[in-house]
Amino acid sequence: MSIKIDSDKCIGCFRCMSVCPGNLIYKNREGKAYIKYEKDCWGCTACVKECKNNAINYYLGADLGGNGAYLYTTQNKEELKWHINKDGKEVLINTNRKESNKY
């Protein structure tokens, strides 16, 4: 499990860098985010949730049924939408922001 940052989509806001608990995301010379050692990613998805430009994909490991599947998020004020893509098919999971931390 790891993330992949698409430098073409990255706008250099570095929200991902500020939330990464392992301090694994860095700024390159072009002012874009990158992960130096993808294998060190903990899989917490904090950066995926913070990225407003869908520049970060989280690749699901085989132990999670991944085998090439990845996820990314889109969001608005009320919802965080998890897009899971495998073999060109997408599953969408909507999470209500106000209800998600209720417990």
PDB file of N, CA and C in Angstrom:
ATOM      1  N   MET A   1       0.846  -1.175   0.000  1.00  0.00           N
ATOM      2  CA  MET A   1       0.000   0.000   0.000  1.00  0.00           C
ATOM      3  C   MET A   1       0.888   1.234   0.000  1.00  0.00           C
ATOM      4  N   SER A   2       0.543   2.149  -0.833  1.00  0.00           N
ATOM      5  CA  SER A   2       1.322   3.367  -0.929  1.00  0.00           C
ATOM      6  C   SER A   2       0.530   4.420  -1.679  1.00  0.00           C
ATOM      7  N   ILE A   3       1.071   5.621  -1.661  1.00  0.00           N
ATOM      8  CA  ILE A   3       0.463   6.712  -2.410  1.00  0.00           C
ATOM      9  C   ILE A   3       1.303   7.012  -3.636  1.00  0.00           C
ATOM     10  N   LYS A   4       0.675   7.659  -4.586  1.00  0.00           N
ATOM     11  CA  LYS A   4       1.362   8.164  -5.768  1.00  0.00           C
ATOM     12  C   LYS A   4       0.869   9.589  -5.971  1.00  0.00           C
ATOM     13  N   ILE A   5       1.782  10.533  -6.087  1.00  0.00           N
ATOM     14  CA  ILE A   5       1.423  11.939  -6.266  1.00  0.00           C
ATOM     15  C   ILE A   5       1.630  12.320  -7.721  1.00  0.00           C
ATOM     16  N   ASP A   6       0.580  12.818  -8.341  1.00  0.00           N
ATOM     17  CA  ASP A   6       0.612  13.257  -9.732  1.00  0.00           C
ATOM     18  C   ASP A   6       1.057  14.719  -9.755  1.00  0.00           C
ATOM     19  N   SER A   7       2.291  14.960 -10.171  1.00  0.00           N
ATOM     20  CA  SER A   7       2.837  16.324 -10.146  1.00  0.00           C
ATOM     21  C   SER A   7       2.105  17.256 -11.105  1.00  0.00           C
ATOM     22  N   ASP A   8       1.460  16.708 -12.129  1.00  0.00           N
ATOM     23  CA  ASP A   8       0.695  17.550 -13.053  1.00  0.00           C
ATOM     24  C   ASP A   8      -0.554  18.122 -12.385  1.00  0.00           C
ATOM     25  N   LYS A   9      -1.113  17.393 -11.431  1.00  0.00           N
ATOM     26  CA  LYS A   9      -2.312  17.856 -10.722  1.00  0.00           C
ATOM     27  C   LYS A   9      -1.977  18.636  -9.448  1.00  0.00           C
ATOM     28  N   CYS A  10      -0.786  18.430  -8.907  1.00  0.00           N
ATOM     29  CA  CYS A  10      -0.391  19.097  -7.654  1.00  0.00           C
ATOM     30  C   CYS A  10      -0.272  20.608  -7.871  1.00  0.00           C
ATOM     31  N   ILE A  11      -0.871  21.376  -6.961  1.00  0.00           N
ATOM     32  CA  ILE A  11      -0.803  22.837  -7.062  1.00  0.00           C
ATOM     33  C   ILE A  11       0.182  23.432  -6.052  1.00  0.00           C
ATOM     34  N   GLY A  12       0.836  22.576  -5.269  1.00  0.00           N
ATOM     35  CA  GLY A  12       1.843  23.055  -4.325  1.00  0.00           C
ATOM     36  C   GLY A  12       1.288  23.697  -3.067  1.00  0.00           C
ATOM     37  N   CYS A  13       0.114  23.267  -2.625  1.00  0.00           N
ATOM     38  CA  CYS A  13      -0.463  23.832  -1.393  1.00  0.00           C
ATOM     39  C   CYS A  13       0.152  23.200  -0.147  1.00  0.00           C
ATOM     40  N   PHE A  14       0.675  22.003  -0.273  1.00  0.00           N
ATOM     41  CA  PHE A  14       1.367  21.249   0.777  1.00  0.00           C
ATOM     42  C   PHE A  14       0.521  20.906   1.992  1.00  0.00           C
ATOM     43  N   ARG A  15      -0.791  20.841   1.783  1.00  0.00           N
ATOM     44  CA  ARG A  15      -1.660  20.351   2.855  1.00  0.00           C
ATOM     45  C   ARG A  15      -1.287  18.906   3.171  1.00  0.00           C
ATOM     46  N   CYS A  16      -0.942  18.143   2.134  1.00  0.00           N
ATOM     47  CA  CYS A  16      -0.554  16.742   2.313  1.00  0.00           C
ATOM     48  C   CYS A  16       0.689  16.627   3.195  1.00  0.00           C
ATOM     49  N   MET A  17       1.632  17.510   2.963  1.00  0.00           N
ATOM     50  CA  MET A  17       2.877  17.501   3.707  1.00  0.00           C
ATOM     51  C   MET A  17       2.632  17.796   5.186  1.00  0.00           C
ATOM     52  N   SER A  18       1.711  18.681   5.462  1.00  0.00           N
ATOM     53  CA  SER A  18       1.455  19.071   6.850  1.00  0.00           C
ATOM     54  C   SER A  18       0.713  17.999   7.649  1.00  0.00           C
ATOM     55  N   VAL A  19      -0.008  17.083   6.979  1.00  0.00           N
ATOM     56  CA  VAL A  19      -0.767  16.069   7.714  1.00  0.00           C
ATOM     57  C   VAL A  19      -0.102  14.696   7.725  1.00  0.00           C
ATOM     58  N   CYS A  20       0.949  14.501   6.969  1.00  0.00           N
ATOM     59  CA  CYS A  20       1.598  13.185   6.911  1.00  0.00           C
ATOM     60  C   CYS A  20       2.264  12.869   8.247  1.00  0.00           C
ATOM     61  N   PRO A  21       1.785  11.832   8.959  1.00  0.00           N
ATOM     62  CA  PRO A  21       2.351  11.527  10.275  1.00  0.00           C
ATOM     63  C   PRO A  21       3.784  10.999  10.218  1.00  0.00           C
ATOM     64  N   GLY A  22       4.206  10.524   9.055  1.00  0.00           N
ATOM     65  CA  GLY A  22       5.568  10.014   8.919  1.00  0.00           C
ATOM     66  C   GLY A  22       6.530  11.010   8.312  1.00  0.00           C
ATOM     67  N   ASN A  23       6.052  12.233   8.048  1.00  0.00           N
ATOM     68  CA  ASN A  23       6.871  13.256   7.388  1.00  0.00           C
ATOM     69  C   ASN A  23       7.536  12.709   6.128  1.00  0.00           C
ATOM     70  N   LEU A  24       6.754  12.025   5.307  1.00  0.00           N
ATOM     71  CA  LEU A  24       7.280  11.362   4.116  1.00  0.00           C
ATOM     72  C   LEU A  24       7.114  12.176   2.840  1.00  0.00           C
ATOM     73  N   ILE A  25       6.373  13.274   2.891  1.00  0.00           N
ATOM     74  CA  ILE A  25       6.102  14.072   1.698  1.00  0.00           C
ATOM     75  C   ILE A  25       6.970  15.327   1.723  1.00  0.00           C
ATOM     76  N   TYR A  26       7.606  15.596   0.586  1.00  0.00           N
ATOM     77  CA  TYR A  26       8.548  16.706   0.473  1.00  0.00           C
ATOM     78  C   TYR A  26       8.151  17.635  -0.667  1.00  0.00           C
ATOM     79  N   LYS A  27       8.835  18.768  -0.736  1.00  0.00           N
ATOM     80  CA  LYS A  27       8.636  19.756  -1.794  1.00  0.00           C
ATOM     81  C   LYS A  27       9.803  19.641  -2.779  1.00  0.00           C
ATOM     82  N   ASN A  28       9.487  19.533  -4.082  1.00  0.00           N
ATOM     83  CA  ASN A  28      10.562  19.453  -5.075  1.00  0.00           C
ATOM     84  C   ASN A  28      10.934  20.847  -5.593  1.00  0.00           C
ATOM     85  N   ARG A  29      11.863  20.910  -6.508  1.00  0.00           N
ATOM     86  CA  ARG A  29      12.349  22.194  -7.036  1.00  0.00           C
ATOM     87  C   ARG A  29      11.281  22.986  -7.771  1.00  0.00           C
ATOM     88  N   GLU A  30      10.289  22.279  -8.309  1.00  0.00           N
ATOM     89  CA  GLU A  30       9.196  22.939  -9.029  1.00  0.00           C
ATOM     90  C   GLU A  30       8.087  23.394  -8.087  1.00  0.00           C
ATOM     91  N   GLY A  31       8.258  23.177  -6.787  1.00  0.00           N
ATOM     92  CA  GLY A  31       7.242  23.582  -5.824  1.00  0.00           C
ATOM     93  C   GLY A  31       6.070  22.613  -5.750  1.00  0.00           C
ATOM     94  N   LYS A  32       6.308  21.360  -6.099  1.00  0.00           N
ATOM     95  CA  LYS A  32       5.279  20.327  -6.061  1.00  0.00           C
ATOM     96  C   LYS A  32       5.621  19.307  -4.976  1.00  0.00           C
ATOM     97  N   ALA A  33       4.588  18.629  -4.502  1.00  0.00           N
ATOM     98  CA  ALA A  33       4.773  17.603  -3.480  1.00  0.00           C
ATOM     99  C   ALA A  33       5.240  16.297  -4.119  1.00  0.00           C
ATOM    100  N   TYR A  34       6.057  15.564  -3.393  1.00  0.00           N
ATOM    101  CA  TYR A  34       6.448  14.220  -3.826  1.00  0.00           C
ATOM    102  C   TYR A  34       6.773  13.382  -2.604  1.00  0.00           C
ATOM    103  N   ILE A  35       6.662  12.065  -2.765  1.00  0.00           N
ATOM    104  CA  ILE A  35       7.027  11.141  -1.692  1.00  0.00           C
ATOM    105  C   ILE A  35       8.327  10.471  -2.111  1.00  0.00           C
ATOM    106  N   LYS A  36       9.307  10.566  -1.245  1.00  0.00           N
ATOM    107  CA  LYS A  36      10.639  10.075  -1.578  1.00  0.00           C
ATOM    108  C   LYS A  36      10.700   8.544  -1.578  1.00  0.00           C
ATOM    109  N   TYR A  37      10.178   7.931  -0.531  1.00  0.00           N
ATOM    110  CA  TYR A  37      10.219   6.474  -0.404  1.00  0.00           C
ATOM    111  C   TYR A  37       8.792   5.951  -0.255  1.00  0.00           C
ATOM    112  N   GLU A  38       8.176   5.615  -1.366  1.00  0.00           N
ATOM    113  CA  GLU A  38       6.782   5.173  -1.362  1.00  0.00           C
ATOM    114  C   GLU A  38       6.550   3.969  -0.464  1.00  0.00           C
ATOM    115  N   LYS A  39       7.538   3.103  -0.355  1.00  0.00           N
ATOM    116  CA  LYS A  39       7.382   1.902   0.464  1.00  0.00           C
ATOM    117  C   LYS A  39       7.250   2.217   1.951  1.00  0.00           C
ATOM    118  N   ASP A  40       7.643   3.406   2.366  1.00  0.00           N
ATOM    119  CA  ASP A  40       7.546   3.791   3.773  1.00  0.00           C
ATOM    120  C   ASP A  40       6.173   4.336   4.163  1.00  0.00           C
ATOM    121  N   CYS A  41       5.291   4.507   3.191  1.00  0.00           N
ATOM    122  CA  CYS A  41       3.957   5.039   3.457  1.00  0.00           C
ATOM    123  C   CYS A  41       3.209   4.119   4.417  1.00  0.00           C
ATOM    124  N   TRP A  42       2.591   4.692   5.438  1.00  0.00           N
ATOM    125  CA  TRP A  42       1.867   3.930   6.453  1.00  0.00           C
ATOM    126  C   TRP A  42       0.472   3.538   5.997  1.00  0.00           C
ATOM    127  N   GLY A  43      -0.031   4.197   4.994  1.00  0.00           N
ATOM    128  CA  GLY A  43      -1.367   3.896   4.497  1.00  0.00           C
ATOM    129  C   GLY A  43      -2.484   4.545   5.291  1.00  0.00           C
ATOM    130  N   CYS A  44      -2.201   5.645   5.954  1.00  0.00           N
ATOM    131  CA  CYS A  44      -3.212   6.294   6.796  1.00  0.00           C
ATOM    132  C   CYS A  44      -4.245   7.070   5.972  1.00  0.00           C
ATOM    133  N   THR A  45      -3.931   7.431   4.754  1.00  0.00           N
ATOM    134  CA  THR A  45      -4.758   8.201   3.806  1.00  0.00           C
ATOM    135  C   THR A  45      -5.016   9.648   4.219  1.00  0.00           C
ATOM    136  N   ALA A  46      -4.302  10.160   5.209  1.00  0.00           N
ATOM    137  CA  ALA A  46      -4.491  11.560   5.620  1.00  0.00           C
ATOM    138  C   ALA A  46      -4.222  12.514   4.459  1.00  0.00           C
ATOM    139  N   CYS A  47      -3.179  12.260   3.699  1.00  0.00           N
ATOM    140  CA  CYS A  47      -2.838  13.130   2.571  1.00  0.00           C
ATOM    141  C   CYS A  47      -3.887  13.053   1.479  1.00  0.00           C
ATOM    142  N   VAL A  48      -4.436  11.866   1.255  1.00  0.00           N
ATOM    143  CA  VAL A  48      -5.470  11.680   0.231  1.00  0.00           C
ATOM    144  C   VAL A  48      -6.691  12.521   0.580  1.00  0.00           C
ATOM    145  N   LYS A  49      -7.065  12.519   1.850  1.00  0.00           N
ATOM    146  CA  LYS A  49      -8.229  13.280   2.306  1.00  0.00           C
ATOM    147  C   LYS A  49      -7.995  14.777   2.222  1.00  0.00           C
ATOM    148  N   GLU A  50      -6.768  15.227   2.378  1.00  0.00           N
ATOM    149  CA  GLU A  50      -6.465  16.657   2.369  1.00  0.00           C
ATOM    150  C   GLU A  50      -6.274  17.241   0.977  1.00  0.00           C
ATOM    151  N   CYS A  51      -5.962  16.410   0.006  1.00  0.00           N
ATOM    152  CA  CYS A  51      -5.684  16.912  -1.340  1.00  0.00           C
ATOM    153  C   CYS A  51      -6.973  17.343  -2.030  1.00  0.00           C
ATOM    154  N   LYS A  52      -7.063  18.602  -2.348  1.00  0.00           N
ATOM    155  CA  LYS A  52      -8.257  19.167  -2.986  1.00  0.00           C
ATOM    156  C   LYS A  52      -8.242  19.006  -4.503  1.00  0.00           C
ATOM    157  N   ASN A  53      -7.103  18.622  -5.079  1.00  0.00           N
ATOM    158  CA  ASN A  53      -6.972  18.532  -6.531  1.00  0.00           C
ATOM    159  C   ASN A  53      -6.894  17.109  -7.047  1.00  0.00           C
ATOM    160  N   ASN A  54      -7.177  16.133  -6.212  1.00  0.00           N
ATOM    161  CA  ASN A  54      -7.115  14.720  -6.604  1.00  0.00           C
ATOM    162  C   ASN A  54      -5.747  14.344  -7.167  1.00  0.00           C
ATOM    163  N   ALA A  55      -4.704  14.953  -6.633  1.00  0.00           N
ATOM    164  CA  ALA A  55      -3.353  14.688  -7.107  1.00  0.00           C
ATOM    165  C   ALA A  55      -2.726  13.478  -6.430  1.00  0.00           C
ATOM    166  N   ILE A  56      -3.387  12.948  -5.406  1.00  0.00           N
ATOM    167  CA  ILE A  56      -2.823  11.815  -4.673  1.00  0.00           C
ATOM    168  C   ILE A  56      -3.752  10.615  -4.783  1.00  0.00           C
ATOM    169  N   ASN A  57      -3.199   9.523  -5.283  1.00  0.00           N
ATOM    170  CA  ASN A  57      -3.916   8.254  -5.337  1.00  0.00           C
ATOM    171  C   ASN A  57      -3.298   7.320  -4.309  1.00  0.00           C
ATOM    172  N   TYR A  58      -4.149   6.571  -3.639  1.00  0.00           N
ATOM    173  CA  TYR A  58      -3.707   5.572  -2.683  1.00  0.00           C
ATOM    174  C   TYR A  58      -3.925   4.207  -3.320  1.00  0.00           C
ATOM    175  N   TYR A  59      -2.871   3.440  -3.480  1.00  0.00           N
ATOM    176  CA  TYR A  59      -2.952   2.130  -4.114  1.00  0.00           C
ATOM    177  C   TYR A  59      -3.192   1.064  -3.065  1.00  0.00           C
ATOM    178  N   LEU A  60      -4.247   0.290  -3.294  1.00  0.00           N
ATOM    179  CA  LEU A  60      -4.658  -0.735  -2.342  1.00  0.00           C
ATOM    180  C   LEU A  60      -3.829  -1.995  -2.536  1.00  0.00           C
ATOM    181  N   GLY A  61      -3.336  -2.532  -1.443  1.00  0.00           N
ATOM    182  CA  GLY A  61      -2.531  -3.743  -1.491  1.00  0.00           C
ATOM    183  C   GLY A  61      -3.374  -4.977  -1.752  1.00  0.00           C
ATOM    184  N   ALA A  62      -2.711  -6.042  -2.115  1.00  0.00           N
ATOM    185  CA  ALA A  62      -3.399  -7.309  -2.403  1.00  0.00           C
ATOM    186  C   ALA A  62      -4.153  -7.817  -1.185  1.00  0.00           C
ATOM    187  N   ASP A  63      -3.644  -7.522   0.012  1.00  0.00           N
ATOM    188  CA  ASP A  63      -4.316  -7.981   1.229  1.00  0.00           C
ATOM    189  C   ASP A  63      -5.667  -7.304   1.438  1.00  0.00           C
ATOM    190  N   LEU A  64      -5.888  -6.179   0.772  1.00  0.00           N
ATOM    191  CA  LEU A  64      -7.174  -5.490   0.828  1.00  0.00           C
ATOM    192  C   LEU A  64      -8.005  -5.745  -0.423  1.00  0.00           C
ATOM    193  N   GLY A  65      -7.587  -6.709  -1.213  1.00  0.00           N
ATOM    194  CA  GLY A  65      -8.297  -7.006  -2.450  1.00  0.00           C
ATOM    195  C   GLY A  65      -7.943  -6.051  -3.565  1.00  0.00           C
ATOM    196  N   GLY A  66      -6.854  -5.322  -3.390  1.00  0.00           N
ATOM    197  CA  GLY A  66      -6.483  -4.278  -4.330  1.00  0.00           C
ATOM    198  C   GLY A  66      -6.082  -4.761  -5.697  1.00  0.00           C
ATOM    199  N   ASN A  67      -4.928  -5.399  -5.779  1.00  0.00           N
ATOM    200  CA  ASN A  67      -4.421  -5.893  -7.054  1.00  0.00           C
ATOM    201  C   ASN A  67      -4.569  -4.872  -8.177  1.00  0.00           C
ATOM    202  N   GLY A  68      -4.028  -3.702  -7.971  1.00  0.00           N
ATOM    203  CA  GLY A  68      -4.077  -2.650  -8.988  1.00  0.00           C
ATOM    204  C   GLY A  68      -5.136  -1.595  -8.745  1.00  0.00           C
ATOM    205  N   ALA A  69      -5.953  -1.784  -7.738  1.00  0.00           N
ATOM    206  CA  ALA A  69      -6.985  -0.796  -7.431  1.00  0.00           C
ATOM    207  C   ALA A  69      -6.371   0.387  -6.695  1.00  0.00           C
ATOM    208  N   TYR A  70      -7.000   1.537  -6.853  1.00  0.00           N
ATOM    209  CA  TYR A  70      -6.544   2.721  -6.122  1.00  0.00           C
ATOM    210  C   TYR A  70      -7.753   3.546  -5.718  1.00  0.00           C
ATOM    211  N   LEU A  71      -7.527   4.441  -4.780  1.00  0.00           N
ATOM    212  CA  LEU A  71      -8.606   5.325  -4.365  1.00  0.00           C
ATOM    213  C   LEU A  71      -8.114   6.750  -4.287  1.00  0.00           C
ATOM    214  N   TYR A  72      -9.072   7.658  -4.420  1.00  0.00           N
ATOM    215  CA  TYR A  72      -8.833   9.085  -4.254  1.00  0.00           C
ATOM    216  C   TYR A  72     -10.118   9.684  -3.716  1.00  0.00           C
ATOM    217  N   THR A  73     -10.067  10.920  -3.300  1.00  0.00           N
ATOM    218  CA  THR A  73     -11.255  11.556  -2.741  1.00  0.00           C
ATOM    219  C   THR A  73     -11.615  12.818  -3.511  1.00  0.00           C
ATOM    220  N   THR A  74     -12.897  13.137  -3.474  1.00  0.00           N
ATOM    221  CA  THR A  74     -13.384  14.450  -3.857  1.00  0.00           C
ATOM    222  C   THR A  74     -14.221  14.899  -2.668  1.00  0.00           C
ATOM    223  N   GLN A  75     -14.416  16.183  -2.552  1.00  0.00           N
ATOM    224  CA  GLN A  75     -15.098  16.656  -1.358  1.00  0.00           C
ATOM    225  C   GLN A  75     -15.813  17.973  -1.590  1.00  0.00           C
ATOM    226  N   ASN A  76     -16.755  18.201  -0.728  1.00  0.00           N
ATOM    227  CA  ASN A  76     -17.411  19.492  -0.649  1.00  0.00           C
ATOM    228  C   ASN A  76     -17.592  19.791   0.836  1.00  0.00           C
ATOM    229  N   LYS A  77     -18.310  20.801   1.150  1.00  0.00           N
ATOM    230  CA  LYS A  77     -18.451  21.233   2.537  1.00  0.00           C
ATOM    231  C   LYS A  77     -19.078  20.154   3.438  1.00  0.00           C
ATOM    232  N   GLU A  78     -19.976  19.362   2.874  1.00  0.00           N
ATOM    233  CA  GLU A  78     -20.709  18.394   3.679  1.00  0.00           C
ATOM    234  C   GLU A  78     -20.262  16.953   3.517  1.00  0.00           C
ATOM    235  N   GLU A  79     -19.633  16.614   2.385  1.00  0.00           N
ATOM    236  CA  GLU A  79     -19.299  15.224   2.119  1.00  0.00           C
ATOM    237  C   GLU A  79     -17.845  15.022   1.704  1.00  0.00           C
ATOM    238  N   LEU A  80     -17.319  13.871   2.104  1.00  0.00           N
ATOM    239  CA  LEU A  80     -16.043  13.383   1.603  1.00  0.00           C
ATOM    240  C   LEU A  80     -16.398  12.137   0.798  1.00  0.00           C
ATOM    241  N   LYS A  81     -16.067  12.145  -0.480  1.00  0.00           N
ATOM    242  CA  LYS A  81     -16.428  11.040  -1.360  1.00  0.00           C
ATOM    243  C   LYS A  81     -15.176  10.237  -1.689  1.00  0.00           C
ATOM    244  N   TRP A  82     -15.207   8.955  -1.376  1.00  0.00           N
ATOM    245  CA  TRP A  82     -14.109   8.040  -1.636  1.00  0.00           C
ATOM    246  C   TRP A  82     -14.388   7.328  -2.957  1.00  0.00           C
ATOM    247  N   HIS A  83     -13.524   7.521  -3.938  1.00  0.00           N
ATOM    248  CA  HIS A  83     -13.648   6.884  -5.239  1.00  0.00           C
ATOM    249  C   HIS A  83     -12.660   5.718  -5.286  1.00  0.00           C
ATOM    250  N   ILE A  84     -13.161   4.525  -5.418  1.00  0.00           N
ATOM    251  CA  ILE A  84     -12.308   3.342  -5.514  1.00  0.00           C
ATOM    252  C   ILE A  84     -12.389   2.845  -6.949  1.00  0.00           C
ATOM    253  N   ASN A  85     -11.239   2.792  -7.618  1.00  0.00           N
ATOM    254  CA  ASN A  85     -11.187   2.443  -9.021  1.00  0.00           C
ATOM    255  C   ASN A  85     -10.389   1.164  -9.207  1.00  0.00           C
ATOM    256  N   LYS A  86     -11.025   0.172  -9.826  1.00  0.00           N
ATOM    257  CA  LYS A  86     -10.332  -1.077 -10.138  1.00  0.00           C
ATOM    258  C   LYS A  86     -10.777  -1.542 -11.514  1.00  0.00           C
ATOM    259  N   ASP A  87      -9.815  -1.750 -12.373  1.00  0.00           N
ATOM    260  CA  ASP A  87     -10.073  -2.227 -13.730  1.00  0.00           C
ATOM    261  C   ASP A  87     -11.075  -1.344 -14.466  1.00  0.00           C
ATOM    262  N   GLY A  88     -10.989  -0.038 -14.251  1.00  0.00           N
ATOM    263  CA  GLY A  88     -11.870   0.897 -14.940  1.00  0.00           C
ATOM    264  C   GLY A  88     -13.261   1.010 -14.345  1.00  0.00           C
ATOM    265  N   LYS A  89     -13.556   0.234 -13.321  1.00  0.00           N
ATOM    266  CA  LYS A  89     -14.856   0.306 -12.650  1.00  0.00           C
ATOM    267  C   LYS A  89     -14.676   1.097 -11.359  1.00  0.00           C
ATOM    268  N   GLU A  90     -15.648   1.938 -11.071  1.00  0.00           N
ATOM    269  CA  GLU A  90     -15.532   2.795  -9.895  1.00  0.00           C
ATOM    270  C   GLU A  90     -16.661   2.525  -8.904  1.00  0.00           C
ATOM    271  N   VAL A  91     -16.260   2.460  -7.633  1.00  0.00           N
ATOM    272  CA  VAL A  91     -17.213   2.363  -6.528  1.00  0.00           C
ATOM    273  C   VAL A  91     -17.088   3.674  -5.763  1.00  0.00           C
ATOM    274  N   LEU A  92     -18.202   4.248  -5.383  1.00  0.00           N
ATOM    275  CA  LEU A  92     -18.207   5.522  -4.677  1.00  0.00           C
ATOM    276  C   LEU A  92     -18.792   5.332  -3.282  1.00  0.00           C
ATOM    277  N   ILE A  93     -18.057   5.804  -2.272  1.00  0.00           N
ATOM    278  CA  ILE A  93     -18.530   5.761  -0.885  1.00  0.00           C
ATOM    279  C   ILE A  93     -18.609   7.193  -0.389  1.00  0.00           C
ATOM    280  N   ASN A  94     -19.792   7.631  -0.006  1.00  0.00           N
ATOM    281  CA  ASN A  94     -20.000   8.987   0.508  1.00  0.00           C
ATOM    282  C   ASN A  94     -19.930   8.972   2.028  1.00  0.00           C
ATOM    283  N   THR A  95     -19.192   9.906   2.587  1.00  0.00           N
ATOM    284  CA  THR A  95     -19.076  10.047   4.029  1.00  0.00           C
ATOM    285  C   THR A  95     -19.542  11.446   4.416  1.00  0.00           C
ATOM    286  N   ASN A  96     -20.518  11.531   5.284  1.00  0.00           N
ATOM    287  CA  ASN A  96     -20.997  12.811   5.773  1.00  0.00           C
ATOM    288  C   ASN A  96     -19.973  13.354   6.768  1.00  0.00           C
ATOM    289  N   ARG A  97     -19.419  14.518   6.488  1.00  0.00           N
ATOM    290  CA  ARG A  97     -18.378  15.087   7.358  1.00  0.00           C
ATOM    291  C   ARG A  97     -18.860  15.315   8.786  1.00  0.00           C
ATOM    292  N   LYS A  98     -20.090  15.725   8.947  1.00  0.00           N
ATOM    293  CA  LYS A  98     -20.610  16.028  10.286  1.00  0.00           C
ATOM    294  C   LYS A  98     -20.858  14.776  11.110  1.00  0.00           C
ATOM    295  N   GLU A  99     -21.152  13.674  10.441  1.00  0.00           N
ATOM    296  CA  GLU A  99     -21.465  12.427  11.134  1.00  0.00           C
ATOM    297  C   GLU A  99     -20.249  11.500  11.302  1.00  0.00           C
ATOM    298  N   SER A 100     -19.198  11.699  10.530  1.00  0.00           N
ATOM    299  CA  SER A 100     -18.099  10.743  10.498  1.00  0.00           C
ATOM    300  C   SER A 100     -17.293  10.680  11.796  1.00  0.00           C
ATOM    301  N   ASN A 101     -17.217  11.742  12.538  1.00  0.00           N
ATOM    302  CA  ASN A 101     -16.445  11.739  13.784  1.00  0.00           C
ATOM    303  C   ASN A 101     -17.344  11.726  15.018  1.00  0.00           C
ATOM    304  N   LYS A 102     -18.537  11.313  14.829  1.00  0.00           N
ATOM    305  CA  LYS A 102     -19.537  11.344  15.881  1.00  0.00           C
ATOM    306  C   LYS A 102     -19.226  10.382  17.035  1.00  0.00           C
ATOM    307  N   TYR A 103     -18.626   9.252  16.729  1.00  0.00           N
ATOM    308  CA  TYR A 103     -18.427   8.225  17.746  1.00  0.00           C
ATOM    309  C   TYR A 103     -17.120   8.394  18.396  1.00  0.00           C
TER     310      TYR A 103
END
